Amino acid sequence: IEAGLEMGCKLLKFFPAEALGGTKLLAALSAPYKHTGVRFMPTGGVTPANLADYLKINTVAAVGGTWIAKPEDMAEGRWDVIAQRCREALAIVAKARST
């Protein structure tokens, strides 16, 4: 975080999020930096089951997850499946951001 801020970065990737400690670690790490305006994008182990928990952390700007567009679905042209996962993710985002 310090190195990123020193280079002028305000959006930092947090990877591998779940392996490093998930939402508890991210909330703890980001707390002392809120005044800097730094935001995070957790990836790595984020799923529909924990997406809302990440989005409830006010320093999280965005979340990445490979569950949305799996390589095998793209390779086989399953765009309807990918589109459905996108809709489901957007519903989770809307609900998490409204509370």
C-alpha atoms as a PDB file:
ATOM      1  CA  ILE A   1       0.000   0.000   0.000  1.00  0.00           C
ATOM      2  CA  GLU A   2       2.784   2.375   0.937  1.00  0.00           C
ATOM      3  CA  ALA A   3       4.669   1.694  -2.299  1.00  0.00           C
ATOM      4  CA  GLY A   4       1.532   2.209  -4.359  1.00  0.00           C
ATOM      5  CA  LEU A   5       0.749   5.497  -2.669  1.00  0.00           C
ATOM      6  CA  GLU A   6       4.347   6.617  -3.072  1.00  0.00           C
ATOM      7  CA  MET A   7       3.980   6.062  -6.830  1.00  0.00           C
ATOM      8  CA  GLY A   8       0.724   8.004  -6.897  1.00  0.00           C
ATOM      9  CA  CYS A   9      -1.560   4.996  -7.232  1.00  0.00           C
ATOM     10  CA  LYS A  10      -4.973   5.325  -5.617  1.00  0.00           C
ATOM     11  CA  LEU A  11      -6.500   2.077  -6.926  1.00  0.00           C
ATOM     12  CA  LEU A  12      -4.729  -1.089  -5.824  1.00  0.00           C
ATOM     13  CA  LYS A  13      -5.401  -4.716  -6.646  1.00  0.00           C
ATOM     14  CA  PHE A  14      -5.729  -6.993  -3.609  1.00  0.00           C
ATOM     15  CA  PHE A  15      -4.709 -10.466  -4.794  1.00  0.00           C
ATOM     16  CA  PRO A  16      -5.126 -13.263  -3.845  1.00  0.00           C
ATOM     17  CA  ALA A  17      -7.848 -11.842  -1.663  1.00  0.00           C
ATOM     18  CA  GLU A  18      -9.213 -14.969   0.002  1.00  0.00           C
ATOM     19  CA  ALA A  19      -5.832 -16.663   0.458  1.00  0.00           C
ATOM     20  CA  LEU A  20      -4.490 -13.536   2.165  1.00  0.00           C
ATOM     21  CA  GLY A  21      -7.340 -13.324   4.681  1.00  0.00           C
ATOM     22  CA  GLY A  22     -10.344 -12.060   2.764  1.00  0.00           C
ATOM     23  CA  THR A  23     -12.587  -9.285   3.952  1.00  0.00           C
ATOM     24  CA  LYS A  24     -11.268  -9.209   7.499  1.00  0.00           C
ATOM     25  CA  LEU A  25      -7.705  -8.534   6.370  1.00  0.00           C
ATOM     26  CA  LEU A  26      -8.734  -6.065   3.682  1.00  0.00           C
ATOM     27  CA  ALA A  27     -10.873  -4.067   6.116  1.00  0.00           C
ATOM     28  CA  ALA A  28      -8.059  -4.026   8.656  1.00  0.00           C
ATOM     29  CA  LEU A  29      -5.409  -3.032   6.101  1.00  0.00           C
ATOM     30  CA  SER A  30      -7.459  -0.311   4.505  1.00  0.00           C
ATOM     31  CA  ALA A  31      -8.671   1.360   7.719  1.00  0.00           C
ATOM     32  CA  PRO A  32      -5.535   3.413   8.405  1.00  0.00           C
ATOM     33  CA  TYR A  33      -5.407   4.563   4.766  1.00  0.00           C
ATOM     34  CA  LYS A  34      -8.974   5.845   4.327  1.00  0.00           C
ATOM     35  CA  HIS A  35      -7.787   9.443   4.583  1.00  0.00           C
ATOM     36  CA  THR A  36      -5.533   8.917   1.536  1.00  0.00           C
ATOM     37  CA  GLY A  37      -8.391   8.059  -0.807  1.00  0.00           C
ATOM     38  CA  VAL A  38      -6.851   4.710  -1.685  1.00  0.00           C
ATOM     39  CA  ARG A  39      -9.328   2.139  -3.001  1.00  0.00           C
ATOM     40  CA  PHE A  40      -8.969  -1.586  -3.600  1.00  0.00           C
ATOM     41  CA  MET A  41     -10.020  -4.160  -6.167  1.00  0.00           C
ATOM     42  CA  PRO A  42      -9.999  -7.605  -4.566  1.00  0.00           C
ATOM     43  CA  THR A  43      -9.571 -10.623  -6.861  1.00  0.00           C
ATOM     44  CA  GLY A  44      -8.651 -14.217  -6.220  1.00  0.00           C
ATOM     45  CA  GLY A  45     -11.246 -16.307  -4.460  1.00  0.00           C
ATOM     46  CA  VAL A  46     -14.085 -13.844  -4.832  1.00  0.00           C
ATOM     47  CA  THR A  47     -17.343 -15.683  -5.579  1.00  0.00           C
ATOM     48  CA  PRO A  48     -21.044 -14.885  -5.628  1.00  0.00           C
ATOM     49  CA  ALA A  49     -21.149 -16.154  -2.038  1.00  0.00           C
ATOM     50  CA  ASN A  50     -18.690 -13.543  -0.707  1.00  0.00           C
ATOM     51  CA  LEU A  51     -19.079 -10.742  -3.273  1.00  0.00           C
ATOM     52  CA  ALA A  52     -21.447  -8.684  -1.112  1.00  0.00           C
ATOM     53  CA  ASP A  53     -19.091  -8.913   1.864  1.00  0.00           C
ATOM     54  CA  TYR A  54     -16.294  -7.351  -0.194  1.00  0.00           C
ATOM     55  CA  LEU A  55     -18.553  -4.649  -1.573  1.00  0.00           C
ATOM     56  CA  LYS A  56     -19.632  -3.612   1.918  1.00  0.00           C
ATOM     57  CA  ILE A  57     -16.075  -2.459   2.640  1.00  0.00           C
ATOM     58  CA  ASN A  58     -16.145   1.236   1.780  1.00  0.00           C
ATOM     59  CA  THR A  59     -12.616   1.228   0.349  1.00  0.00           C
ATOM     60  CA  VAL A  60     -13.533  -1.399  -2.270  1.00  0.00           C
ATOM     61  CA  ALA A  61     -13.997   0.246  -5.664  1.00  0.00           C
ATOM     62  CA  ALA A  62     -14.529  -2.905  -7.717  1.00  0.00           C
ATOM     63  CA  VAL A  63     -14.273  -6.679  -7.447  1.00  0.00           C
ATOM     64  CA  GLY A  64     -12.965  -9.171  -9.982  1.00  0.00           C
ATOM     65  CA  GLY A  65     -13.947 -12.788 -10.314  1.00  0.00           C
ATOM     66  CA  THR A  66     -13.336 -15.475 -12.902  1.00  0.00           C
ATOM     67  CA  TRP A  67     -16.618 -17.181 -12.066  1.00  0.00           C
ATOM     68  CA  ILE A  68     -18.407 -14.728 -14.368  1.00  0.00           C
ATOM     69  CA  ALA A  69     -16.674 -15.694 -17.614  1.00  0.00           C
ATOM     70  CA  LYS A  70     -15.026 -19.067 -17.217  1.00  0.00           C
ATOM     71  CA  PRO A  71     -12.519 -19.954 -19.949  1.00  0.00           C
ATOM     72  CA  GLU A  72     -14.438 -23.075 -20.939  1.00  0.00           C
ATOM     73  CA  ASP A  73     -17.667 -21.106 -21.325  1.00  0.00           C
ATOM     74  CA  MET A  74     -15.940 -18.566 -23.547  1.00  0.00           C
ATOM     75  CA  ALA A  75     -14.250 -21.283 -25.594  1.00  0.00           C
ATOM     76  CA  GLU A  76     -17.584 -23.004 -26.164  1.00  0.00           C
ATOM     77  CA  GLY A  77     -19.501 -19.794 -26.848  1.00  0.00           C
ATOM     78  CA  ARG A  78     -21.819 -20.058 -23.850  1.00  0.00           C
ATOM     79  CA  TRP A  79     -22.561 -16.345 -23.909  1.00  0.00           C
ATOM     80  CA  ASP A  80     -26.017 -16.850 -22.412  1.00  0.00           C
ATOM     81  CA  VAL A  81     -24.479 -18.494 -19.335  1.00  0.00           C
ATOM     82  CA  ILE A  82     -21.938 -15.682 -18.992  1.00  0.00           C
ATOM     83  CA  ALA A  83     -24.661 -13.061 -19.442  1.00  0.00           C
ATOM     84  CA  GLN A  84     -26.745 -14.724 -16.725  1.00  0.00           C
ATOM     85  CA  ARG A  85     -23.793 -14.696 -14.329  1.00  0.00           C
ATOM     86  CA  CYS A  86     -23.303 -10.998 -15.095  1.00  0.00           C
ATOM     87  CA  ARG A  87     -26.944 -10.290 -14.274  1.00  0.00           C
ATOM     88  CA  GLU A  88     -26.634 -12.243 -11.031  1.00  0.00           C
ATOM     89  CA  ALA A  89     -23.459 -10.365 -10.082  1.00  0.00           C
ATOM     90  CA  LEU A  90     -25.110  -7.021 -10.843  1.00  0.00           C
ATOM     91  CA  ALA A  91     -28.035  -7.937  -8.604  1.00  0.00           C
ATOM     92  CA  ILE A  92     -25.634  -8.752  -5.766  1.00  0.00           C
ATOM     93  CA  VAL A  93     -23.813  -5.450  -6.333  1.00  0.00           C
ATOM     94  CA  ALA A  94     -27.032  -3.424  -6.351  1.00  0.00           C
ATOM     95  CA  LYS A  95     -28.245  -5.017  -3.127  1.00  0.00           C
ATOM     96  CA  ALA A  96     -24.868  -4.673  -1.357  1.00  0.00           C
ATOM     97  CA  ARG A  97     -24.400  -1.044  -2.382  1.00  0.00           C
ATOM     98  CA  SER A  98     -27.920  -0.055  -1.317  1.00  0.00           C
ATOM     99  CA  THR A  99     -27.533  -1.151   2.297  1.00  0.00           C
END
